[in-house]
Amino acid sequence: DYIFTITALNFGSGFSPMWKLQRGGNSTYKNIAATLKAYTEAGNSLNA
């Protein structure tokens, strides 16, 4: 479920300057992946 979800969200590099203003830190992709990781580890579902 995680792999399909992260692939569905694996875009948005053109928004990187806007993203970093709000999130900072790692690249857009790493932020997206790490957030989904924490969400899943907290017991939430990323199913279809």
All heavy atoms as atom14 arrays in JSON, in Angstrom:
{
  "sequence": "DYIFTITALNFGSGFSPMWKLQRGGNSTYKNIAATLKAYTEAGNSLNA",
  "atom14_mask": [
    [1, 1, 1, 1, 1, 1, 1, 1, 0, 0, 0, 0, 0, 0],
    [1, 1, 1, 1, 1, 1, 1, 1, 1, 1, 1, 1, 0, 0],
    [1, 1, 1, 1, 1, 1, 1, 1, 0, 0, 0, 0, 0, 0],
    [1, 1, 1, 1, 1, 1, 1, 1, 1, 1, 1, 0, 0, 0],
    [1, 1, 1, 1, 1, 1, 1, 0, 0, 0, 0, 0, 0, 0],
    [1, 1, 1, 1, 1, 1, 1, 1, 0, 0, 0, 0, 0, 0],
    [1, 1, 1, 1, 1, 1, 1, 0, 0, 0, 0, 0, 0, 0],
    [1, 1, 1, 1, 1, 0, 0, 0, 0, 0, 0, 0, 0, 0],
    [1, 1, 1, 1, 1, 1, 1, 1, 0, 0, 0, 0, 0, 0],
    [1, 1, 1, 1, 1, 1, 1, 1, 0, 0, 0, 0, 0, 0],
    [1, 1, 1, 1, 1, 1, 1, 1, 1, 1, 1, 0, 0, 0],
    [1, 1, 1, 1, 0, 0, 0, 0, 0, 0, 0, 0, 0, 0],
    [1, 1, 1, 1, 1, 1, 0, 0, 0, 0, 0, 0, 0, 0],
    [1, 1, 1, 1, 0, 0, 0, 0, 0, 0, 0, 0, 0, 0],
    [1, 1, 1, 1, 1, 1, 1, 1, 1, 1, 1, 0, 0, 0],
    [1, 1, 1, 1, 1, 1, 0, 0, 0, 0, 0, 0, 0, 0],
    [1, 1, 1, 1, 1, 1, 1, 0, 0, 0, 0, 0, 0, 0],
    [1, 1, 1, 1, 1, 1, 1, 1, 0, 0, 0, 0, 0, 0],
    [1, 1, 1, 1, 1, 1, 1, 1, 1, 1, 1, 1, 1, 1],
    [1, 1, 1, 1, 1, 1, 1, 1, 1, 0, 0, 0, 0, 0],
    [1, 1, 1, 1, 1, 1, 1, 1, 0, 0, 0, 0, 0, 0],
    [1, 1, 1, 1, 1, 1, 1, 1, 1, 0, 0, 0, 0, 0],
    [1, 1, 1, 1, 1, 1, 1, 1, 1, 1, 1, 0, 0, 0],
    [1, 1, 1, 1, 0, 0, 0, 0, 0, 0, 0, 0, 0, 0],
    [1, 1, 1, 1, 0, 0, 0, 0, 0, 0, 0, 0, 0, 0],
    [1, 1, 1, 1, 1, 1, 1, 1, 0, 0, 0, 0, 0, 0],
    [1, 1, 1, 1, 1, 1, 0, 0, 0, 0, 0, 0, 0, 0],
    [1, 1, 1, 1, 1, 1, 1, 0, 0, 0, 0, 0, 0, 0],
    [1, 1, 1, 1, 1, 1, 1, 1, 1, 1, 1, 1, 0, 0],
    [1, 1, 1, 1, 1, 1, 1, 1, 1, 0, 0, 0, 0, 0],
    [1, 1, 1, 1, 1, 1, 1, 1, 0, 0, 0, 0, 0, 0],
    [1, 1, 1, 1, 1, 1, 1, 1, 0, 0, 0, 0, 0, 0],
    [1, 1, 1, 1, 1, 0, 0, 0, 0, 0, 0, 0, 0, 0],
    [1, 1, 1, 1, 1, 0, 0, 0, 0, 0, 0, 0, 0, 0],
    [1, 1, 1, 1, 1, 1, 1, 0, 0, 0, 0, 0, 0, 0],
    [1, 1, 1, 1, 1, 1, 1, 1, 0, 0, 0, 0, 0, 0],
    [1, 1, 1, 1, 1, 1, 1, 1, 1, 0, 0, 0, 0, 0],
    [1, 1, 1, 1, 1, 0, 0, 0, 0, 0, 0, 0, 0, 0],
    [1, 1, 1, 1, 1, 1, 1, 1, 1, 1, 1, 1, 0, 0],
    [1, 1, 1, 1, 1, 1, 1, 0, 0, 0, 0, 0, 0, 0],
    [1, 1, 1, 1, 1, 1, 1, 1, 1, 0, 0, 0, 0, 0],
    [1, 1, 1, 1, 1, 0, 0, 0, 0, 0, 0, 0, 0, 0],
    [1, 1, 1, 1, 0, 0, 0, 0, 0, 0, 0, 0, 0, 0],
    [1, 1, 1, 1, 1, 1, 1, 1, 0, 0, 0, 0, 0, 0],
    [1, 1, 1, 1, 1, 1, 0, 0, 0, 0, 0, 0, 0, 0],
    [1, 1, 1, 1, 1, 1, 1, 1, 0, 0, 0, 0, 0, 0],
    [1, 1, 1, 1, 1, 1, 1, 1, 0, 0, 0, 0, 0, 0],
    [1, 1, 1, 1, 1, 0, 0, 0, 0, 0, 0, 0, 0, 0]
  ],
  "atom14_positions": [
    [[0.83, -1.2, 0.0], [0.0, 0.0, 0.0], [0.87, 1.26, 0.0], [0.58, 2.23, -0.71], [-0.91, 0.03, 1.24], [-2.0, -1.03, 1.21], [-2.25, -1.59, 0.12], [-2.59, -1.29, 2.27], [0.0, 0.0, 0.0], [0.0, 0.0, 0.0], [0.0, 0.0, 0.0], [0.0, 0.0, 0.0], [0.0, 0.0, 0.0], [0.0, 0.0, 0.0]],
    [[1.92, 1.23, 0.81], [2.82, 2.38, 0.89], [3.5, 2.64, -0.46], [3.58, 3.8, -0.9], [3.88, 2.14, 1.97], [4.99, 3.16, 1.96], [4.86, 4.37, 2.66], [6.17, 2.94, 1.25], [5.87, 5.31, 2.64], [7.18, 3.88, 1.23], [7.03, 5.07, 1.92], [8.04, 6.01, 1.88], [0.0, 0.0, 0.0], [0.0, 0.0, 0.0]],
    [[3.98, 1.6, -1.12], [4.7, 1.77, -2.39], [3.76, 2.36, -3.45], [4.14, 3.29, -4.18], [5.3, 0.44, -2.87], [6.39, -0.04, -1.9], [5.86, 0.57, -4.28], [7.58, 0.87, -1.81], [0.0, 0.0, 0.0], [0.0, 0.0, 0.0], [0.0, 0.0, 0.0], [0.0, 0.0, 0.0], [0.0, 0.0, 0.0], [0.0, 0.0, 0.0]],
    [[2.55, 1.84, -3.55], [1.61, 2.41, -4.52], [1.28, 3.86, -4.18], [1.17, 4.71, -5.07], [0.33, 1.57, -4.57], [0.36, 0.49, -5.61], [0.91, -0.76, -5.33], [-0.17, 0.69, -6.88], [0.94, -1.77, -6.28], [-0.14, -0.3, -7.84], [0.42, -1.54, -7.54], [0.0, 0.0, 0.0], [0.0, 0.0, 0.0], [0.0, 0.0, 0.0]],
    [[1.14, 4.16, -2.89], [0.8, 5.52, -2.5], [1.93, 6.49, -2.78], [1.7, 7.58, -3.33], [0.44, 5.56, -0.99], [-0.64, 4.65, -0.74], [0.04, 6.96, -0.56], [0.0, 0.0, 0.0], [0.0, 0.0, 0.0], [0.0, 0.0, 0.0], [0.0, 0.0, 0.0], [0.0, 0.0, 0.0], [0.0, 0.0, 0.0], [0.0, 0.0, 0.0]],
    [[3.15, 6.14, -2.42], [4.27, 7.05, -2.65], [4.47, 7.27, -4.15], [4.83, 8.36, -4.59], [5.57, 6.54, -1.97], [6.66, 7.62, -2.02], [6.07, 5.26, -2.59], [6.37, 8.86, -1.24], [0.0, 0.0, 0.0], [0.0, 0.0, 0.0], [0.0, 0.0, 0.0], [0.0, 0.0, 0.0], [0.0, 0.0, 0.0], [0.0, 0.0, 0.0]],
    [[4.2, 6.25, -4.95], [4.31, 6.43, -6.4], [3.25, 7.38, -6.92], [3.52, 8.21, -7.8], [4.2, 5.07, -7.11], [5.21, 4.19, -6.62], [4.38, 5.23, -8.62], [0.0, 0.0, 0.0], [0.0, 0.0, 0.0], [0.0, 0.0, 0.0], [0.0, 0.0, 0.0], [0.0, 0.0, 0.0], [0.0, 0.0, 0.0], [0.0, 0.0, 0.0]],
    [[2.05, 7.29, -6.38], [0.98, 8.2, -6.8], [1.3, 9.64, -6.44], [0.75, 10.57, -7.05], [-0.34, 7.78, -6.17], [0.0, 0.0, 0.0], [0.0, 0.0, 0.0], [0.0, 0.0, 0.0], [0.0, 0.0, 0.0], [0.0, 0.0, 0.0], [0.0, 0.0, 0.0], [0.0, 0.0, 0.0], [0.0, 0.0, 0.0], [0.0, 0.0, 0.0]],
    [[2.19, 9.86, -5.47], [2.56, 11.2, -5.02], [3.97, 11.6, -5.46], [4.47, 12.64, -5.02], [2.47, 11.29, -3.5], [1.1, 11.01, -2.88], [1.17, 11.16, -1.37], [0.03, 11.91, -3.47], [0.0, 0.0, 0.0], [0.0, 0.0, 0.0], [0.0, 0.0, 0.0], [0.0, 0.0, 0.0], [0.0, 0.0, 0.0], [0.0, 0.0, 0.0]],
    [[4.59, 10.81, -6.31], [5.98, 11.07, -6.69], [6.05, 12.08, -7.83], [6.49, 11.78, -8.94], [6.67, 9.75, -7.08], [8.17, 9.91, -7.17], [8.7, 11.01, -7.07], [8.86, 8.8, -7.38], [0.0, 0.0, 0.0], [0.0, 0.0, 0.0], [0.0, 0.0, 0.0], [0.0, 0.0, 0.0], [0.0, 0.0, 0.0], [0.0, 0.0, 0.0]],
    [[5.6, 13.29, -7.54], [5.71, 14.4, -8.48], [5.62, 15.68, -7.66], [5.43, 15.64, -6.44], [4.62, 14.34, -9.55], [3.2, 14.48, -9.04], [2.58, 15.71, -8.95], [2.47, 13.35, -8.66], [1.27, 15.84, -8.49], [1.17, 13.47, -8.2], [0.56, 14.71, -8.11], [0.0, 0.0, 0.0], [0.0, 0.0, 0.0], [0.0, 0.0, 0.0]],
    [[5.78, 16.81, -8.32], [5.68, 18.08, -7.61], [6.98, 18.83, -7.47], [7.06, 19.81, -6.74], [0.0, 0.0, 0.0], [0.0, 0.0, 0.0], [0.0, 0.0, 0.0], [0.0, 0.0, 0.0], [0.0, 0.0, 0.0], [0.0, 0.0, 0.0], [0.0, 0.0, 0.0], [0.0, 0.0, 0.0], [0.0, 0.0, 0.0], [0.0, 0.0, 0.0]],
    [[8.04, 18.37, -8.18], [9.33, 19.06, -8.06], [9.24, 20.52, -8.49], [10.0, 21.36, -8.01], [10.4, 18.34, -8.89], [10.04, 18.31, -10.27], [0.0, 0.0, 0.0], [0.0, 0.0, 0.0], [0.0, 0.0, 0.0], [0.0, 0.0, 0.0], [0.0, 0.0, 0.0], [0.0, 0.0, 0.0], [0.0, 0.0, 0.0], [0.0, 0.0, 0.0]],
    [[8.31, 20.83, -9.39], [8.13, 22.21, -9.82], [7.62, 23.12, -8.72], [7.73, 24.35, -8.81], [0.0, 0.0, 0.0], [0.0, 0.0, 0.0], [0.0, 0.0, 0.0], [0.0, 0.0, 0.0], [0.0, 0.0, 0.0], [0.0, 0.0, 0.0], [0.0, 0.0, 0.0], [0.0, 0.0, 0.0], [0.0, 0.0, 0.0], [0.0, 0.0, 0.0]],
    [[7.06, 22.51, -7.68], [6.57, 23.27, -6.53], [7.61, 23.35, -5.41], [7.31, 23.85, -4.33], [5.3, 22.61, -5.97], [4.1, 22.7, -6.88], [3.84, 21.7, -7.81], [3.24, 23.78, -6.8], [2.73, 21.77, -8.64], [2.12, 23.86, -7.62], [1.87, 22.86, -8.55], [0.0, 0.0, 0.0], [0.0, 0.0, 0.0], [0.0, 0.0, 0.0]],
    [[8.8, 22.85, -5.67], [9.81, 22.75, -4.61], [10.08, 24.06, -3.88], [10.14, 24.07, -2.64], [11.11, 22.18, -5.19], [12.09, 22.03, -4.18], [0.0, 0.0, 0.0], [0.0, 0.0, 0.0], [0.0, 0.0, 0.0], [0.0, 0.0, 0.0], [0.0, 0.0, 0.0], [0.0, 0.0, 0.0], [0.0, 0.0, 0.0], [0.0, 0.0, 0.0]],
    [[10.24, 25.19, -4.57], [10.46, 26.44, -3.82], [9.32, 26.77, -2.87], [9.55, 27.2, -1.73], [10.59, 27.48, -4.94], [11.05, 26.72, -6.14], [10.34, 25.4, -6.04], [0.0, 0.0, 0.0], [0.0, 0.0, 0.0], [0.0, 0.0, 0.0], [0.0, 0.0, 0.0], [0.0, 0.0, 0.0], [0.0, 0.0, 0.0], [0.0, 0.0, 0.0]],
    [[8.08, 26.55, -3.31], [6.92, 26.81, -2.46], [6.88, 25.83, -1.3], [6.56, 26.19, -0.16], [5.63, 26.7, -3.28], [5.5, 27.7, -4.42], [4.11, 27.3, -5.52], [2.73, 27.38, -4.38], [0.0, 0.0, 0.0], [0.0, 0.0, 0.0], [0.0, 0.0, 0.0], [0.0, 0.0, 0.0], [0.0, 0.0, 0.0], [0.0, 0.0, 0.0]],
    [[7.19, 24.58, -1.58], [7.17, 23.53, -0.56], [8.17, 23.85, 0.55], [7.85, 23.76, 1.75], [7.51, 22.19, -1.21], [7.51, 21.02, -0.27], [8.56, 20.55, 0.46], [6.41, 20.16, 0.04], [8.19, 19.45, 1.2], [6.88, 19.19, 0.95], [5.08, 20.11, -0.39], [6.06, 18.19, 1.45], [4.27, 19.1, 0.11], [4.75, 18.16, 1.02]],
    [[9.38, 24.24, 0.17], [10.43, 24.48, 1.16], [10.12, 25.71, 2.01], [10.54, 25.78, 3.18], [11.78, 24.61, 0.47], [12.28, 23.27, -0.06], [13.63, 23.37, -0.73], [14.09, 21.99, -1.21], [15.4, 22.04, -1.89], [0.0, 0.0, 0.0], [0.0, 0.0, 0.0], [0.0, 0.0, 0.0], [0.0, 0.0, 0.0], [0.0, 0.0, 0.0]],
    [[9.39, 26.66, 1.46], [8.99, 27.81, 2.27], [8.08, 27.38, 3.42], [8.12, 27.94, 4.51], [8.26, 28.85, 1.4], [9.14, 29.74, 0.52], [8.27, 30.62, -0.37], [10.07, 30.6, 1.38], [0.0, 0.0, 0.0], [0.0, 0.0, 0.0], [0.0, 0.0, 0.0], [0.0, 0.0, 0.0], [0.0, 0.0, 0.0], [0.0, 0.0, 0.0]],
    [[7.26, 26.34, 3.16], [6.32, 25.89, 4.17], [6.85, 24.74, 5.02], [6.5, 24.61, 6.19], [5.0, 25.47, 3.51], [4.33, 26.62, 2.77], [2.88, 26.32, 2.43], [2.16, 25.67, 3.17], [2.44, 26.83, 1.28], [0.0, 0.0, 0.0], [0.0, 0.0, 0.0], [0.0, 0.0, 0.0], [0.0, 0.0, 0.0], [0.0, 0.0, 0.0]],
    [[7.68, 23.89, 4.4], [8.15, 22.7, 5.11], [9.64, 22.76, 5.45], [10.06, 22.24, 6.47], [7.89, 21.45, 4.25], [6.45, 20.98, 4.22], [5.98, 20.46, 5.56], [6.85, 19.42, 6.1], [6.53, 18.13, 6.14], [5.37, 17.73, 5.68], [7.37, 17.26, 6.66], [0.0, 0.0, 0.0], [0.0, 0.0, 0.0], [0.0, 0.0, 0.0]],
    [[10.45, 23.3, 4.54], [11.88, 23.33, 4.76], [12.47, 21.92, 4.78], [11.82, 20.93, 4.45], [0.0, 0.0, 0.0], [0.0, 0.0, 0.0], [0.0, 0.0, 0.0], [0.0, 0.0, 0.0], [0.0, 0.0, 0.0], [0.0, 0.0, 0.0], [0.0, 0.0, 0.0], [0.0, 0.0, 0.0], [0.0, 0.0, 0.0], [0.0, 0.0, 0.0]],
    [[13.74, 21.82, 5.18], [14.36, 20.51, 5.37], [14.68, 19.8, 4.07], [15.18, 20.39, 3.13], [0.0, 0.0, 0.0], [0.0, 0.0, 0.0], [0.0, 0.0, 0.0], [0.0, 0.0, 0.0], [0.0, 0.0, 0.0], [0.0, 0.0, 0.0], [0.0, 0.0, 0.0], [0.0, 0.0, 0.0], [0.0, 0.0, 0.0], [0.0, 0.0, 0.0]],
    [[14.36, 18.5, 4.04], [14.73, 17.64, 2.93], [13.99, 18.0, 1.65], [13.13, 18.86, 1.63], [14.45, 16.17, 3.29], [15.42, 15.63, 4.31], [16.59, 15.98, 4.3], [14.93, 14.78, 5.19], [0.0, 0.0, 0.0], [0.0, 0.0, 0.0], [0.0, 0.0, 0.0], [0.0, 0.0, 0.0], [0.0, 0.0, 0.0], [0.0, 0.0, 0.0]],
    [[14.33, 17.28, 0.59], [13.67, 17.46, -0.69], [12.19, 17.15, -0.55], [11.73, 16.51, 0.41], [14.28, 16.52, -1.73], [13.95, 15.17, -1.44], [0.0, 0.0, 0.0], [0.0, 0.0, 0.0], [0.0, 0.0, 0.0], [0.0, 0.0, 0.0], [0.0, 0.0, 0.0], [0.0, 0.0, 0.0], [0.0, 0.0, 0.0], [0.0, 0.0, 0.0]],
    [[11.42, 17.63, -1.53], [9.98, 17.37, -1.52], [9.7, 15.88, -1.4], [8.88, 15.46, -0.58], [9.35, 17.93, -2.82], [9.71, 19.3, -2.95], [7.84, 17.81, -2.79], [0.0, 0.0, 0.0], [0.0, 0.0, 0.0], [0.0, 0.0, 0.0], [0.0, 0.0, 0.0], [0.0, 0.0, 0.0], [0.0, 0.0, 0.0], [0.0, 0.0, 0.0]],
    [[10.39, 15.08, -2.2], [10.14, 13.64, -2.2], [10.45, 13.02, -0.84], [9.66, 12.21, -0.32], [10.97, 12.96, -3.28], [10.79, 11.46, -3.31], [9.62, 10.89, -3.77], [11.79, 10.61, -2.83], [9.44, 9.51, -3.78], [11.62, 9.24, -2.83], [10.45, 8.69, -3.3], [10.28, 7.33, -3.3], [0.0, 0.0, 0.0], [0.0, 0.0, 0.0]],
    [[11.57, 13.39, -0.24], [11.93, 12.8, 1.05], [10.93, 13.22, 2.13], [10.6, 12.42, 3.02], [13.35, 13.18, 1.43], [14.42, 12.48, 0.6], [15.81, 12.84, 1.06], [16.87, 12.09, 0.24], [18.24, 12.46, 0.67], [0.0, 0.0, 0.0], [0.0, 0.0, 0.0], [0.0, 0.0, 0.0], [0.0, 0.0, 0.0], [0.0, 0.0, 0.0]],
    [[10.48, 14.46, 2.08], [9.45, 14.9, 3.02], [8.17, 14.09, 2.86], [7.55, 13.65, 3.85], [9.13, 16.37, 2.81], [10.01, 17.31, 3.61], [10.04, 18.5, 3.34], [10.73, 16.82, 4.6], [0.0, 0.0, 0.0], [0.0, 0.0, 0.0], [0.0, 0.0, 0.0], [0.0, 0.0, 0.0], [0.0, 0.0, 0.0], [0.0, 0.0, 0.0]],
    [[7.76, 13.9, 1.6], [6.54, 13.15, 1.32], [6.67, 11.71, 1.83], [5.78, 11.18, 2.49], [6.23, 13.18, -0.19], [5.81, 14.6, -0.59], [5.15, 12.18, -0.56], [5.79, 14.82, -2.09], [0.0, 0.0, 0.0], [0.0, 0.0, 0.0], [0.0, 0.0, 0.0], [0.0, 0.0, 0.0], [0.0, 0.0, 0.0], [0.0, 0.0, 0.0]],
    [[7.81, 11.09, 1.52], [8.02, 9.7, 1.92], [8.07, 9.56, 3.44], [7.42, 8.67, 4.01], [9.31, 9.18, 1.3], [0.0, 0.0, 0.0], [0.0, 0.0, 0.0], [0.0, 0.0, 0.0], [0.0, 0.0, 0.0], [0.0, 0.0, 0.0], [0.0, 0.0, 0.0], [0.0, 0.0, 0.0], [0.0, 0.0, 0.0], [0.0, 0.0, 0.0]],
    [[8.82, 10.41, 4.11], [8.97, 10.3, 5.56], [7.64, 10.53, 6.28], [7.35, 9.89, 7.3], [10.02, 11.3, 6.05], [0.0, 0.0, 0.0], [0.0, 0.0, 0.0], [0.0, 0.0, 0.0], [0.0, 0.0, 0.0], [0.0, 0.0, 0.0], [0.0, 0.0, 0.0], [0.0, 0.0, 0.0], [0.0, 0.0, 0.0], [0.0, 0.0, 0.0]],
    [[6.82, 11.44, 5.75], [5.51, 11.69, 6.35], [4.59, 10.48, 6.2], [3.89, 10.09, 7.15], [4.86, 12.94, 5.72], [5.71, 14.07, 5.92], [3.51, 13.22, 6.33], [0.0, 0.0, 0.0], [0.0, 0.0, 0.0], [0.0, 0.0, 0.0], [0.0, 0.0, 0.0], [0.0, 0.0, 0.0], [0.0, 0.0, 0.0], [0.0, 0.0, 0.0]],
    [[4.58, 9.87, 5.01], [3.78, 8.66, 4.81], [4.28, 7.51, 5.69], [3.49, 6.71, 6.19], [3.81, 8.25, 3.34], [3.03, 9.11, 2.35], [3.18, 8.54, 0.95], [1.55, 9.2, 2.74], [0.0, 0.0, 0.0], [0.0, 0.0, 0.0], [0.0, 0.0, 0.0], [0.0, 0.0, 0.0], [0.0, 0.0, 0.0], [0.0, 0.0, 0.0]],
    [[5.59, 7.44, 5.85], [6.17, 6.41, 6.72], [5.64, 6.57, 8.15], [5.16, 5.59, 8.75], [7.69, 6.52, 6.71], [8.4, 5.59, 7.68], [9.92, 5.83, 7.64], [10.64, 4.93, 8.63], [12.11, 5.14, 8.6], [0.0, 0.0, 0.0], [0.0, 0.0, 0.0], [0.0, 0.0, 0.0], [0.0, 0.0, 0.0], [0.0, 0.0, 0.0]],
    [[5.7, 7.78, 8.68], [5.23, 8.02, 10.04], [3.73, 7.76, 10.15], [3.26, 7.2, 11.16], [5.55, 9.47, 10.45], [0.0, 0.0, 0.0], [0.0, 0.0, 0.0], [0.0, 0.0, 0.0], [0.0, 0.0, 0.0], [0.0, 0.0, 0.0], [0.0, 0.0, 0.0], [0.0, 0.0, 0.0], [0.0, 0.0, 0.0], [0.0, 0.0, 0.0]],
    [[2.98, 8.14, 9.13], [1.53, 7.94, 9.12], [1.21, 6.44, 9.17], [0.31, 6.01, 9.92], [0.96, 8.57, 7.87], [-0.55, 8.54, 7.74], [-1.35, 9.42, 8.46], [-1.17, 7.64, 6.87], [-2.74, 9.4, 8.33], [-2.55, 7.61, 6.73], [-3.33, 8.49, 7.45], [-4.69, 8.47, 7.33], [0.0, 0.0, 0.0], [0.0, 0.0, 0.0]],
    [[1.94, 5.65, 8.41], [1.71, 4.21, 8.38], [2.15, 3.56, 9.69], [1.45, 2.7, 10.24], [2.46, 3.57, 7.2], [2.07, 4.21, 5.99], [2.17, 2.09, 7.09], [0.0, 0.0, 0.0], [0.0, 0.0, 0.0], [0.0, 0.0, 0.0], [0.0, 0.0, 0.0], [0.0, 0.0, 0.0], [0.0, 0.0, 0.0], [0.0, 0.0, 0.0]],
    [[3.3, 3.98, 10.2], [3.79, 3.39, 11.44], [2.87, 3.71, 12.62], [2.87, 2.99, 13.62], [5.21, 3.89, 11.71], [6.24, 3.29, 10.75], [7.62, 3.86, 10.94], [7.74, 4.95, 11.55], [8.59, 3.23, 10.46], [0.0, 0.0, 0.0], [0.0, 0.0, 0.0], [0.0, 0.0, 0.0], [0.0, 0.0, 0.0], [0.0, 0.0, 0.0]],
    [[2.09, 4.79, 12.5], [1.13, 5.14, 13.55], [-0.14, 4.29, 13.5], [-1.05, 4.47, 14.31], [0.77, 6.62, 13.45], [0.0, 0.0, 0.0], [0.0, 0.0, 0.0], [0.0, 0.0, 0.0], [0.0, 0.0, 0.0], [0.0, 0.0, 0.0], [0.0, 0.0, 0.0], [0.0, 0.0, 0.0], [0.0, 0.0, 0.0], [0.0, 0.0, 0.0]],
    [[-0.2, 3.37, 12.53], [-1.32, 2.45, 12.45], [-2.38, 2.82, 11.43], [-3.43, 2.17, 11.37], [0.0, 0.0, 0.0], [0.0, 0.0, 0.0], [0.0, 0.0, 0.0], [0.0, 0.0, 0.0], [0.0, 0.0, 0.0], [0.0, 0.0, 0.0], [0.0, 0.0, 0.0], [0.0, 0.0, 0.0], [0.0, 0.0, 0.0], [0.0, 0.0, 0.0]],
    [[-2.13, 3.85, 10.65], [-3.1, 4.28, 9.64], [-2.94, 3.48, 8.36], [-1.86, 3.0, 8.04], [-2.92, 5.77, 9.34], [-3.14, 6.63, 10.57], [-4.25, 6.71, 11.07], [-2.08, 7.27, 11.05], [0.0, 0.0, 0.0], [0.0, 0.0, 0.0], [0.0, 0.0, 0.0], [0.0, 0.0, 0.0], [0.0, 0.0, 0.0], [0.0, 0.0, 0.0]],
    [[-4.01, 3.38, 7.59], [-4.01, 2.61, 6.35], [-3.8, 3.52, 5.15], [-4.33, 4.63, 5.08], [-5.33, 1.86, 6.18], [-5.37, 1.2, 4.93], [0.0, 0.0, 0.0], [0.0, 0.0, 0.0], [0.0, 0.0, 0.0], [0.0, 0.0, 0.0], [0.0, 0.0, 0.0], [0.0, 0.0, 0.0], [0.0, 0.0, 0.0], [0.0, 0.0, 0.0]],
    [[-3.02, 3.03, 4.2], [-2.83, 3.7, 2.91], [-3.37, 2.83, 1.78], [-2.86, 2.85, 0.67], [-1.34, 3.99, 2.67], [-0.66, 5.0, 3.59], [0.83, 5.07, 3.28], [-1.3, 6.37, 3.47], [0.0, 0.0, 0.0], [0.0, 0.0, 0.0], [0.0, 0.0, 0.0], [0.0, 0.0, 0.0], [0.0, 0.0, 0.0], [0.0, 0.0, 0.0]],
    [[-4.42, 2.08, 2.05], [-4.92, 1.15, 1.03], [-5.68, 1.9, -0.07], [-5.84, 3.12, -0.03], [-5.79, 0.07, 1.67], [-7.01, 0.64, 2.39], [-7.47, 1.74, 2.09], [-7.53, -0.13, 3.35], [0.0, 0.0, 0.0], [0.0, 0.0, 0.0], [0.0, 0.0, 0.0], [0.0, 0.0, 0.0], [0.0, 0.0, 0.0], [0.0, 0.0, 0.0]],
    [[-6.17, 1.15, -1.04], [-6.84, 1.76, -2.19], [-8.12, 2.49, -1.79], [-8.47, 3.5, -2.43], [-7.13, 0.69, -3.24], [0.0, 0.0, 0.0], [0.0, 0.0, 0.0], [0.0, 0.0, 0.0], [0.0, 0.0, 0.0], [0.0, 0.0, 0.0], [0.0, 0.0, 0.0], [0.0, 0.0, 0.0], [0.0, 0.0, 0.0], [0.0, 0.0, 0.0]]
  ]
}
